Amino acid sequence: MTEETAKELISKVPDWNLVNESGVLKLNRSWKVKSFLKGLELFRLVAEVAESEGHHPDLHLVGWNNVTIEIWTHAVGGLTENDFILAAKINGLPLQDLLRRKAKN
């Protein structure tokens, strides 16, 4: 997939970012979870969707509450339509109870 096409599709997956990492296009998104165990629960929910899709993202839990997911197709060394489909399905997961509340002004 070209970077131009990816830039057109990124609007279909709110809160995901398009990144170019040494010439490899990837999608990534980060969350702050309530606890370490909530981060693992988020991974479990994502893993169920990923396994059913046969498409497995890179999952990162840094510190005790910083979760980042990277999606790209390793076989082609970049993005495919399936990456955007998986991002959309992850967006549809019920994650609210796992996430920290944003501070109110």
PDB file of N, CA and C in Angstrom:
ATOM      1  N   MET A   1       0.849  -1.171   0.000  1.00  0.00           N
ATOM      2  CA  MET A   1       0.000   0.000   0.000  1.00  0.00           C
ATOM      3  C   MET A   1       0.897   1.237   0.000  1.00  0.00           C
ATOM      4  N   THR A   2       0.505   2.215  -0.789  1.00  0.00           N
ATOM      5  CA  THR A   2       1.270   3.454  -0.841  1.00  0.00           C
ATOM      6  C   THR A   2       0.942   4.327   0.375  1.00  0.00           C
ATOM      7  N   GLU A   3       1.827   5.250   0.682  1.00  0.00           N
ATOM      8  CA  GLU A   3       1.588   6.163   1.791  1.00  0.00           C
ATOM      9  C   GLU A   3       0.369   7.042   1.505  1.00  0.00           C
ATOM     10  N   GLU A   4       0.176   7.385   0.249  1.00  0.00           N
ATOM     11  CA  GLU A   4      -0.985   8.199  -0.144  1.00  0.00           C
ATOM     12  C   GLU A   4      -2.293   7.471   0.169  1.00  0.00           C
ATOM     13  N   THR A   5      -2.375   6.195  -0.182  1.00  0.00           N
ATOM     14  CA  THR A   5      -3.566   5.397   0.101  1.00  0.00           C
ATOM     15  C   THR A   5      -3.774   5.259   1.605  1.00  0.00           C
ATOM     16  N   ALA A   6      -2.679   5.012   2.337  1.00  0.00           N
ATOM     17  CA  ALA A   6      -2.774   4.886   3.789  1.00  0.00           C
ATOM     18  C   ALA A   6      -3.287   6.179   4.417  1.00  0.00           C
ATOM     19  N   LYS A   7      -2.849   7.322   3.904  1.00  0.00           N
ATOM     20  CA  LYS A   7      -3.310   8.615   4.438  1.00  0.00           C
ATOM     21  C   LYS A   7      -4.800   8.811   4.186  1.00  0.00           C
ATOM     22  N   GLU A   8      -5.312   8.253   3.114  1.00  0.00           N
ATOM     23  CA  GLU A   8      -6.754   8.323   2.845  1.00  0.00           C
ATOM     24  C   GLU A   8      -7.535   7.434   3.810  1.00  0.00           C
ATOM     25  N   LEU A   9      -6.988   6.268   4.129  1.00  0.00           N
ATOM     26  CA  LEU A   9      -7.700   5.294   4.973  1.00  0.00           C
ATOM     27  C   LEU A   9      -7.610   5.599   6.465  1.00  0.00           C
ATOM     28  N   ILE A  10      -6.606   6.355   6.894  1.00  0.00           N
ATOM     29  CA  ILE A  10      -6.404   6.579   8.327  1.00  0.00           C
ATOM     30  C   ILE A  10      -7.611   7.267   8.972  1.00  0.00           C
ATOM     31  N   SER A  11      -8.337   8.051   8.214  1.00  0.00           N
ATOM     32  CA  SER A  11      -9.513   8.729   8.777  1.00  0.00           C
ATOM     33  C   SER A  11     -10.624   7.742   9.145  1.00  0.00           C
ATOM     34  N   LYS A  12     -10.563   6.540   8.617  1.00  0.00           N
ATOM     35  CA  LYS A  12     -11.579   5.515   8.898  1.00  0.00           C
ATOM     36  C   LYS A  12     -11.337   4.816  10.235  1.00  0.00           C
ATOM     37  N   VAL A  13     -10.167   5.048  10.843  1.00  0.00           N
ATOM     38  CA  VAL A  13      -9.834   4.405  12.120  1.00  0.00           C
ATOM     39  C   VAL A  13      -9.415   5.489  13.127  1.00  0.00           C
ATOM     40  N   PRO A  14     -10.414   6.137  13.747  1.00  0.00           N
ATOM     41  CA  PRO A  14     -10.127   7.221  14.684  1.00  0.00           C
ATOM     42  C   PRO A  14      -9.152   6.802  15.788  1.00  0.00           C
ATOM     43  N   ASP A  15      -8.304   7.732  16.169  1.00  0.00           N
ATOM     44  CA  ASP A  15      -7.324   7.595  17.252  1.00  0.00           C
ATOM     45  C   ASP A  15      -6.098   6.756  16.886  1.00  0.00           C
ATOM     46  N   TRP A  16      -6.059   6.211  15.695  1.00  0.00           N
ATOM     47  CA  TRP A  16      -4.867   5.503  15.234  1.00  0.00           C
ATOM     48  C   TRP A  16      -3.970   6.493  14.502  1.00  0.00           C
ATOM     49  N   ASN A  17      -2.674   6.230  14.558  1.00  0.00           N
ATOM     50  CA  ASN A  17      -1.685   7.077  13.894  1.00  0.00           C
ATOM     51  C   ASN A  17      -1.004   6.294  12.788  1.00  0.00           C
ATOM     52  N   LEU A  18      -0.695   6.992  11.725  1.00  0.00           N
ATOM     53  CA  LEU A  18       0.079   6.424  10.628  1.00  0.00           C
ATOM     54  C   LEU A  18       1.529   6.818  10.861  1.00  0.00           C
ATOM     55  N   VAL A  19       2.401   5.836  10.962  1.00  0.00           N
ATOM     56  CA  VAL A  19       3.812   6.116  11.188  1.00  0.00           C
ATOM     57  C   VAL A  19       4.657   5.455  10.099  1.00  0.00           C
ATOM     58  N   ASN A  20       5.740   6.120   9.781  1.00  0.00           N
ATOM     59  CA  ASN A  20       6.707   5.592   8.829  1.00  0.00           C
ATOM     60  C   ASN A  20       7.977   5.316   9.622  1.00  0.00           C
ATOM     61  N   GLU A  21       8.234   4.046   9.853  1.00  0.00           N
ATOM     62  CA  GLU A  21       9.377   3.630  10.659  1.00  0.00           C
ATOM     63  C   GLU A  21      10.439   3.029   9.744  1.00  0.00           C
ATOM     64  N   SER A  22      11.425   3.833   9.410  1.00  0.00           N
ATOM     65  CA  SER A  22      12.510   3.408   8.518  1.00  0.00           C
ATOM     66  C   SER A  22      11.970   2.872   7.193  1.00  0.00           C
ATOM     67  N   GLY A  23      10.973   3.564   6.648  1.00  0.00           N
ATOM     68  CA  GLY A  23      10.404   3.181   5.369  1.00  0.00           C
ATOM     69  C   GLY A  23       9.292   2.159   5.441  1.00  0.00           C
ATOM     70  N   VAL A  24       8.940   1.701   6.649  1.00  0.00           N
ATOM     71  CA  VAL A  24       7.857   0.726   6.838  1.00  0.00           C
ATOM     72  C   VAL A  24       6.656   1.461   7.428  1.00  0.00           C
ATOM     73  N   LEU A  25       5.554   1.459   6.693  1.00  0.00           N
ATOM     74  CA  LEU A  25       4.326   2.092   7.185  1.00  0.00           C
ATOM     75  C   LEU A  25       3.647   1.187   8.199  1.00  0.00           C
ATOM     76  N   LYS A  26       3.222   1.793   9.319  1.00  0.00           N
ATOM     77  CA  LYS A  26       2.538   1.054  10.386  1.00  0.00           C
ATOM     78  C   LYS A  26       1.415   1.909  10.940  1.00  0.00           C
ATOM     79  N   LEU A  27       0.458   1.241  11.564  1.00  0.00           N
ATOM     80  CA  LEU A  27      -0.558   1.912  12.356  1.00  0.00           C
ATOM     81  C   LEU A  27      -0.183   1.725  13.815  1.00  0.00           C
ATOM     82  N   ASN A  28      -0.376   2.772  14.630  1.00  0.00           N
ATOM     83  CA  ASN A  28      -0.206   2.560  16.060  1.00  0.00           C
ATOM     84  C   ASN A  28      -1.202   3.386  16.845  1.00  0.00           C
ATOM     85  N   ARG A  29      -1.471   2.902  18.023  1.00  0.00           N
ATOM     86  CA  ARG A  29      -2.389   3.586  18.932  1.00  0.00           C
ATOM     87  C   ARG A  29      -1.961   3.258  20.350  1.00  0.00           C
ATOM     88  N   SER A  30      -2.104   4.241  21.239  1.00  0.00           N
ATOM     89  CA  SER A  30      -1.724   4.053  22.641  1.00  0.00           C
ATOM     90  C   SER A  30      -2.902   4.348  23.556  1.00  0.00           C
ATOM     91  N   TRP A  31      -2.893   3.680  24.699  1.00  0.00           N
ATOM     92  CA  TRP A  31      -3.893   3.872  25.740  1.00  0.00           C
ATOM     93  C   TRP A  31      -3.178   3.919  27.087  1.00  0.00           C
ATOM     94  N   LYS A  32      -3.797   4.536  28.064  1.00  0.00           N
ATOM     95  CA  LYS A  32      -3.380   4.429  29.466  1.00  0.00           C
ATOM     96  C   LYS A  32      -4.451   3.610  30.170  1.00  0.00           C
ATOM     97  N   VAL A  33      -4.021   2.522  30.781  1.00  0.00           N
ATOM     98  CA  VAL A  33      -4.959   1.635  31.470  1.00  0.00           C
ATOM     99  C   VAL A  33      -4.905   1.877  32.968  1.00  0.00           C
ATOM    100  N   LYS A  34      -5.916   1.384  33.673  1.00  0.00           N
ATOM    101  CA  LYS A  34      -6.033   1.605  35.116  1.00  0.00           C
ATOM    102  C   LYS A  34      -4.967   0.876  35.924  1.00  0.00           C
ATOM    103  N   SER A  35      -4.517  -0.271  35.416  1.00  0.00           N
ATOM    104  CA  SER A  35      -3.547  -1.076  36.165  1.00  0.00           C
ATOM    105  C   SER A  35      -2.829  -2.016  35.205  1.00  0.00           C
ATOM    106  N   PHE A  36      -1.789  -2.631  35.710  1.00  0.00           N
ATOM    107  CA  PHE A  36      -1.047  -3.618  34.934  1.00  0.00           C
ATOM    108  C   PHE A  36      -1.971  -4.746  34.475  1.00  0.00           C
ATOM    109  N   LEU A  37      -2.810  -5.234  35.387  1.00  0.00           N
ATOM    110  CA  LEU A  37      -3.724  -6.320  35.031  1.00  0.00           C
ATOM    111  C   LEU A  37      -4.759  -5.886  33.998  1.00  0.00           C
ATOM    112  N   LYS A  38      -5.182  -4.624  34.053  1.00  0.00           N
ATOM    113  CA  LYS A  38      -6.114  -4.119  33.036  1.00  0.00           C
ATOM    114  C   LYS A  38      -5.425  -4.087  31.669  1.00  0.00           C
ATOM    115  N   GLY A  39      -4.136  -3.797  31.654  1.00  0.00           N
ATOM    116  CA  GLY A  39      -3.379  -3.840  30.401  1.00  0.00           C
ATOM    117  C   GLY A  39      -3.349  -5.240  29.810  1.00  0.00           C
ATOM    118  N   LEU A  40      -3.159  -6.221  30.668  1.00  0.00           N
ATOM    119  CA  LEU A  40      -3.168  -7.604  30.198  1.00  0.00           C
ATOM    120  C   LEU A  40      -4.552  -8.014  29.708  1.00  0.00           C
ATOM    121  N   GLU A  41      -5.592  -7.513  30.362  1.00  0.00           N
ATOM    122  CA  GLU A  41      -6.968  -7.791  29.927  1.00  0.00           C
ATOM    123  C   GLU A  41      -7.219  -7.170  28.547  1.00  0.00           C
ATOM    124  N   LEU A  42      -6.722  -5.949  28.343  1.00  0.00           N
ATOM    125  CA  LEU A  42      -6.842  -5.315  27.028  1.00  0.00           C
ATOM    126  C   LEU A  42      -6.163  -6.190  25.965  1.00  0.00           C
ATOM    127  N   PHE A  43      -4.977  -6.682  26.289  1.00  0.00           N
ATOM    128  CA  PHE A  43      -4.275  -7.578  25.364  1.00  0.00           C
ATOM    129  C   PHE A  43      -5.098  -8.827  25.059  1.00  0.00           C
ATOM    130  N   ARG A  44      -5.759  -9.377  26.076  1.00  0.00           N
ATOM    131  CA  ARG A  44      -6.572 -10.589  25.865  1.00  0.00           C
ATOM    132  C   ARG A  44      -7.713 -10.305  24.900  1.00  0.00           C
ATOM    133  N   LEU A  45      -8.388  -9.170  25.075  1.00  0.00           N
ATOM    134  CA  LEU A  45      -9.489  -8.812  24.177  1.00  0.00           C
ATOM    135  C   LEU A  45      -8.984  -8.613  22.748  1.00  0.00           C
ATOM    136  N   VAL A  46      -7.861  -7.921  22.610  1.00  0.00           N
ATOM    137  CA  VAL A  46      -7.272  -7.700  21.282  1.00  0.00           C
ATOM    138  C   VAL A  46      -6.832  -9.032  20.678  1.00  0.00           C
ATOM    139  N   ALA A  47      -6.258  -9.901  21.501  1.00  0.00           N
ATOM    140  CA  ALA A  47      -5.779 -11.202  21.005  1.00  0.00           C
ATOM    141  C   ALA A  47      -6.914 -12.049  20.446  1.00  0.00           C
ATOM    142  N   GLU A  48      -8.081 -11.988  21.075  1.00  0.00           N
ATOM    143  CA  GLU A  48      -9.228 -12.763  20.580  1.00  0.00           C
ATOM    144  C   GLU A  48      -9.629 -12.294  19.181  1.00  0.00           C
ATOM    145  N   VAL A  49      -9.680 -10.979  18.988  1.00  0.00           N
ATOM    146  CA  VAL A  49     -10.019 -10.438  17.663  1.00  0.00           C
ATOM    147  C   VAL A  49      -8.911 -10.778  16.665  1.00  0.00           C
ATOM    148  N   ALA A  50      -7.680 -10.581  17.071  1.00  0.00           N
ATOM    149  CA  ALA A  50      -6.546 -10.832  16.172  1.00  0.00           C
ATOM    150  C   ALA A  50      -6.499 -12.301  15.738  1.00  0.00           C
ATOM    151  N   GLU A  51      -6.728 -13.187  16.677  1.00  0.00           N
ATOM    152  CA  GLU A  51      -6.699 -14.615  16.355  1.00  0.00           C
ATOM    153  C   GLU A  51      -7.821 -14.972  15.388  1.00  0.00           C
ATOM    154  N   SER A  52      -9.015 -14.414  15.596  1.00  0.00           N
ATOM    155  CA  SER A  52     -10.121 -14.713  14.689  1.00  0.00           C
ATOM    156  C   SER A  52      -9.866 -14.156  13.288  1.00  0.00           C
ATOM    157  N   GLU A  53      -9.103 -13.070  13.214  1.00  0.00           N
ATOM    158  CA  GLU A  53      -8.758 -12.467  11.923  1.00  0.00           C
ATOM    159  C   GLU A  53      -7.523 -13.118  11.295  1.00  0.00           C
ATOM    160  N   GLY A  54      -6.781 -13.896  12.074  1.00  0.00           N
ATOM    161  CA  GLY A  54      -5.527 -14.466  11.580  1.00  0.00           C
ATOM    162  C   GLY A  54      -4.498 -13.376  11.293  1.00  0.00           C
ATOM    163  N   HIS A  55      -4.571 -12.299  12.074  1.00  0.00           N
ATOM    164  CA  HIS A  55      -3.709 -11.139  11.852  1.00  0.00           C
ATOM    165  C   HIS A  55      -3.269 -10.627  13.215  1.00  0.00           C
ATOM    166  N   HIS A  56      -1.979 -10.679  13.506  1.00  0.00           N
ATOM    167  CA  HIS A  56      -1.487 -10.492  14.862  1.00  0.00           C
ATOM    168  C   HIS A  56      -0.640  -9.231  14.994  1.00  0.00           C
ATOM    169  N   PRO A  57      -1.132  -8.254  15.763  1.00  0.00           N
ATOM    170  CA  PRO A  57      -0.398  -7.004  15.949  1.00  0.00           C
ATOM    171  C   PRO A  57       0.726  -7.163  16.974  1.00  0.00           C
ATOM    172  N   ASP A  58       1.597  -6.169  17.011  1.00  0.00           N
ATOM    173  CA  ASP A  58       2.623  -6.095  18.048  1.00  0.00           C
ATOM    174  C   ASP A  58       2.007  -5.386  19.247  1.00  0.00           C
ATOM    175  N   LEU A  59       2.101  -6.019  20.415  1.00  0.00           N
ATOM    176  CA  LEU A  59       1.499  -5.489  21.637  1.00  0.00           C
ATOM    177  C   LEU A  59       2.615  -5.085  22.598  1.00  0.00           C
ATOM    178  N   HIS A  60       2.511  -3.879  23.146  1.00  0.00           N
ATOM    179  CA  HIS A  60       3.538  -3.370  24.064  1.00  0.00           C
ATOM    180  C   HIS A  60       2.878  -2.866  25.339  1.00  0.00           C
ATOM    181  N   LEU A  61       3.365  -3.321  26.483  1.00  0.00           N
ATOM    182  CA  LEU A  61       2.941  -2.812  27.783  1.00  0.00           C
ATOM    183  C   LEU A  61       4.200  -2.277  28.451  1.00  0.00           C
ATOM    184  N   VAL A  62       4.289  -0.958  28.535  1.00  0.00           N
ATOM    185  CA  VAL A  62       5.483  -0.300  29.052  1.00  0.00           C
ATOM    186  C   VAL A  62       5.126   0.373  30.363  1.00  0.00           C
ATOM    187  N   GLY A  63       5.988   0.196  31.348  1.00  0.00           N
ATOM    188  CA  GLY A  63       5.629   0.664  32.674  1.00  0.00           C
ATOM    189  C   GLY A  63       4.475  -0.199  33.150  1.00  0.00           C
ATOM    190  N   TRP A  64       3.674   0.316  33.997  1.00  0.00           N
ATOM    191  CA  TRP A  64       2.572  -0.500  34.506  1.00  0.00           C
ATOM    192  C   TRP A  64       1.253  -0.190  33.833  1.00  0.00           C
ATOM    193  N   ASN A  65       1.196   0.922  33.030  1.00  0.00           N
ATOM    194  CA  ASN A  65      -0.117   1.283  32.489  1.00  0.00           C
ATOM    195  C   ASN A  65      -0.104   1.891  31.085  1.00  0.00           C
ATOM    196  N   ASN A  66       0.975   1.782  30.370  1.00  0.00           N
ATOM    197  CA  ASN A  66       1.060   2.345  29.019  1.00  0.00           C
ATOM    198  C   ASN A  66       1.017   1.231  27.981  1.00  0.00           C
ATOM    199  N   VAL A  67      -0.083   1.191  27.244  1.00  0.00           N
ATOM    200  CA  VAL A  67      -0.291   0.158  26.226  1.00  0.00           C
ATOM    201  C   VAL A  67      -0.176   0.799  24.845  1.00  0.00           C
ATOM    202  N   THR A  68       0.588   0.163  23.979  1.00  0.00           N
ATOM    203  CA  THR A  68       0.669   0.582  22.581  1.00  0.00           C
ATOM    204  C   THR A  68       0.506  -0.649  21.709  1.00  0.00           C
ATOM    205  N   ILE A  69      -0.261  -0.478  20.646  1.00  0.00           N
ATOM    206  CA  ILE A  69      -0.430  -1.547  19.660  1.00  0.00           C
ATOM    207  C   ILE A  69       0.053  -1.040  18.321  1.00  0.00           C
ATOM    208  N   GLU A  70       0.869  -1.844  17.657  1.00  0.00           N
ATOM    209  CA  GLU A  70       1.339  -1.552  16.300  1.00  0.00           C
ATOM    210  C   GLU A  70       0.780  -2.608  15.361  1.00  0.00           C
ATOM    211  N   ILE A  71       0.245  -2.141  14.253  1.00  0.00           N
ATOM    212  CA  ILE A  71      -0.303  -3.064  13.252  1.00  0.00           C
ATOM    213  C   ILE A  71       0.378  -2.793  11.918  1.00  0.00           C
ATOM    214  N   TRP A  72       0.860  -3.861  11.323  1.00  0.00           N
ATOM    215  CA  TRP A  72       1.402  -3.818   9.970  1.00  0.00           C
ATOM    216  C   TRP A  72       1.532  -5.262   9.506  1.00  0.00           C
ATOM    217  N   THR A  73       1.627  -5.449   8.219  1.00  0.00           N
ATOM    218  CA  THR A  73       1.708  -6.802   7.668  1.00  0.00           C
ATOM    219  C   THR A  73       3.164  -7.135   7.406  1.00  0.00           C
ATOM    220  N   HIS A  74       3.701  -7.984   8.250  1.00  0.00           N
ATOM    221  CA  HIS A  74       5.116  -8.341   8.171  1.00  0.00           C
ATOM    222  C   HIS A  74       5.479  -8.938   6.810  1.00  0.00           C
ATOM    223  N   ALA A  75       4.567  -9.744   6.261  1.00  0.00           N
ATOM    224  CA  ALA A  75       4.850 -10.444   4.993  1.00  0.00           C
ATOM    225  C   ALA A  75       5.097  -9.491   3.829  1.00  0.00           C
ATOM    226  N   VAL A  76       4.472  -8.302   3.873  1.00  0.00           N
ATOM    227  CA  VAL A  76       4.668  -7.345   2.769  1.00  0.00           C
ATOM    228  C   VAL A  76       5.547  -6.169   3.195  1.00  0.00           C
ATOM    229  N   GLY A  77       5.929  -6.149   4.469  1.00  0.00           N
ATOM    230  CA  GLY A  77       6.784  -5.079   4.950  1.00  0.00           C
ATOM    231  C   GLY A  77       6.100  -3.722   4.971  1.00  0.00           C
ATOM    232  N   GLY A  78       4.808  -3.708   5.298  1.00  0.00           N
ATOM    233  CA  GLY A  78       4.064  -2.454   5.344  1.00  0.00           C
ATOM    234  C   GLY A  78       2.595  -2.714   5.593  1.00  0.00           C
ATOM    235  N   LEU A  79       1.773  -1.782   5.158  1.00  0.00           N
ATOM    236  CA  LEU A  79       0.338  -1.850   5.418  1.00  0.00           C
ATOM    237  C   LEU A  79      -0.450  -2.495   4.284  1.00  0.00           C
ATOM    238  N   THR A  80      -1.533  -3.164   4.679  1.00  0.00           N
ATOM    239  CA  THR A  80      -2.525  -3.680   3.739  1.00  0.00           C
ATOM    240  C   THR A  80      -3.904  -3.265   4.271  1.00  0.00           C
ATOM    241  N   GLU A  81      -4.921  -3.486   3.487  1.00  0.00           N
ATOM    242  CA  GLU A  81      -6.286  -3.179   3.914  1.00  0.00           C
ATOM    243  C   GLU A  81      -6.642  -3.943   5.188  1.00  0.00           C
ATOM    244  N   ASN A  82      -6.121  -5.162   5.347  1.00  0.00           N
ATOM    245  CA  ASN A  82      -6.404  -5.965   6.538  1.00  0.00           C
ATOM    246  C   ASN A  82      -5.945  -5.279   7.821  1.00  0.00           C
ATOM    247  N   ASP A  83      -4.886  -4.485   7.745  1.00  0.00           N
ATOM    248  CA  ASP A  83      -4.412  -3.762   8.926  1.00  0.00           C
ATOM    249  C   ASP A  83      -5.454  -2.747   9.389  1.00  0.00           C
ATOM    250  N   PHE A  84      -6.067  -2.053   8.457  1.00  0.00           N
ATOM    251  CA  PHE A  84      -7.098  -1.072   8.786  1.00  0.00           C
ATOM    252  C   PHE A  84      -8.360  -1.758   9.300  1.00  0.00           C
ATOM    253  N   ILE A  85      -8.678  -2.917   8.755  1.00  0.00           N
ATOM    254  CA  ILE A  85      -9.828  -3.691   9.236  1.00  0.00           C
ATOM    255  C   ILE A  85      -9.609  -4.109  10.687  1.00  0.00           C
ATOM    256  N   LEU A  86      -8.405  -4.598  10.997  1.00  0.00           N
ATOM    257  CA  LEU A  86      -8.112  -4.993  12.379  1.00  0.00           C
ATOM    258  C   LEU A  86      -8.164  -3.784  13.315  1.00  0.00           C
ATOM    259  N   ALA A  87      -7.619  -2.649  12.898  1.00  0.00           N
ATOM    260  CA  ALA A  87      -7.672  -1.437  13.729  1.00  0.00           C
ATOM    261  C   ALA A  87      -9.126  -1.049  14.011  1.00  0.00           C
ATOM    262  N   ALA A  88      -9.982  -1.128  12.999  1.00  0.00           N
ATOM    263  CA  ALA A  88     -11.398  -0.792  13.183  1.00  0.00           C
ATOM    264  C   ALA A  88     -12.060  -1.764  14.164  1.00  0.00           C
ATOM    265  N   LYS A  89     -11.723  -3.027  14.088  1.00  0.00           N
ATOM    266  CA  LYS A  89     -12.304  -4.015  15.001  1.00  0.00           C
ATOM    267  C   LYS A  89     -11.813  -3.789  16.425  1.00  0.00           C
ATOM    268  N   ILE A  90     -10.553  -3.405  16.587  1.00  0.00           N
ATOM    269  CA  ILE A  90     -10.034  -3.080  17.917  1.00  0.00           C
ATOM    270  C   ILE A  90     -10.762  -1.855  18.462  1.00  0.00           C
ATOM    271  N   ASN A  91     -11.019  -0.876  17.601  1.00  0.00           N
ATOM    272  CA  ASN A  91     -11.772   0.309  18.040  1.00  0.00           C
ATOM    273  C   ASN A  91     -13.160  -0.064  18.549  1.00  0.00           C
ATOM    274  N   GLY A  92     -13.718  -1.139  18.065  1.00  0.00           N
ATOM    275  CA  GLY A  92     -15.051  -1.565  18.472  1.00  0.00           C
ATOM    276  C   GLY A  92     -15.098  -2.367  19.763  1.00  0.00           C
ATOM    277  N   LEU A  93     -13.945  -2.668  20.335  1.00  0.00           N
ATOM    278  CA  LEU A  93     -13.920  -3.460  21.570  1.00  0.00           C
ATOM    279  C   LEU A  93     -14.371  -2.624  22.774  1.00  0.00           C
ATOM    280  N   PRO A  94     -15.006  -3.272  23.751  1.00  0.00           N
ATOM    281  CA  PRO A  94     -15.455  -2.561  24.960  1.00  0.00           C
ATOM    282  C   PRO A  94     -14.300  -2.375  25.951  1.00  0.00           C
ATOM    283  N   LEU A  95     -13.520  -1.327  25.752  1.00  0.00           N
ATOM    284  CA  LEU A  95     -12.313  -1.114  26.556  1.00  0.00           C
ATOM    285  C   LEU A  95     -12.487  -0.095  27.677  1.00  0.00           C
ATOM    286  N   GLN A  96     -13.590   0.629  27.714  1.00  0.00           N
ATOM    287  CA  GLN A  96     -13.743   1.763  28.636  1.00  0.00           C
ATOM    288  C   GLN A  96     -13.456   1.407  30.096  1.00  0.00           C
ATOM    289  N   ASP A  97     -13.877   0.243  30.560  1.00  0.00           N
ATOM    290  CA  ASP A  97     -13.658  -0.126  31.959  1.00  0.00           C
ATOM    291  C   ASP A  97     -12.191  -0.425  32.275  1.00  0.00           C
ATOM    292  N   LEU A  98     -11.383  -0.582  31.240  1.00  0.00           N
ATOM    293  CA  LEU A  98      -9.966  -0.859  31.436  1.00  0.00           C
ATOM    294  C   LEU A  98      -9.110   0.399  31.452  1.00  0.00           C
ATOM    295  N   LEU A  99      -9.658   1.495  30.947  1.00  0.00           N
ATOM    296  CA  LEU A  99      -8.872   2.709  30.715  1.00  0.00           C
ATOM    297  C   LEU A  99      -8.985   3.689  31.865  1.00  0.00           C
ATOM    298  N   ARG A 100      -7.889   4.437  32.055  1.00  0.00           N
ATOM    299  CA  ARG A 100      -7.900   5.521  33.043  1.00  0.00           C
ATOM    300  C   ARG A 100      -8.778   6.636  32.527  1.00  0.00           C
ATOM    301  N   ARG A 101      -9.449   7.298  33.412  1.00  0.00           N
ATOM    302  CA  ARG A 101     -10.276   8.451  33.047  1.00  0.00           C
ATOM    303  C   ARG A 101      -9.370   9.645  32.786  1.00  0.00           C
ATOM    304  N   LYS A 102      -9.735  10.429  31.795  1.00  0.00           N
ATOM    305  CA  LYS A 102      -8.975  11.648  31.524  1.00  0.00           C
ATOM    306  C   LYS A 102      -9.299  12.684  32.585  1.00  0.00           C
ATOM    307  N   ALA A 103      -8.291  13.443  32.972  1.00  0.00           N
ATOM    308  CA  ALA A 103      -8.498  14.496  33.976  1.00  0.00           C
ATOM    309  C   ALA A 103      -9.421  15.570  33.402  1.00  0.00           C
ATOM    310  N   LYS A 104     -10.331  16.047  34.244  1.00  0.00           N
ATOM    311  CA  LYS A 104     -11.249  17.107  33.815  1.00  0.00           C
ATOM    312  C   LYS A 104     -10.685  18.452  34.217  1.00  0.00           C
ATOM    313  N   ASN A 105     -10.904  19.453  33.371  1.00  0.00           N
ATOM    314  CA  ASN A 105     -10.406  20.802  33.675  1.00  0.00           C
ATOM    315  C   ASN A 105     -11.331  21.520  34.629  1.00  0.00           C
TER     316      ASN A 105
END
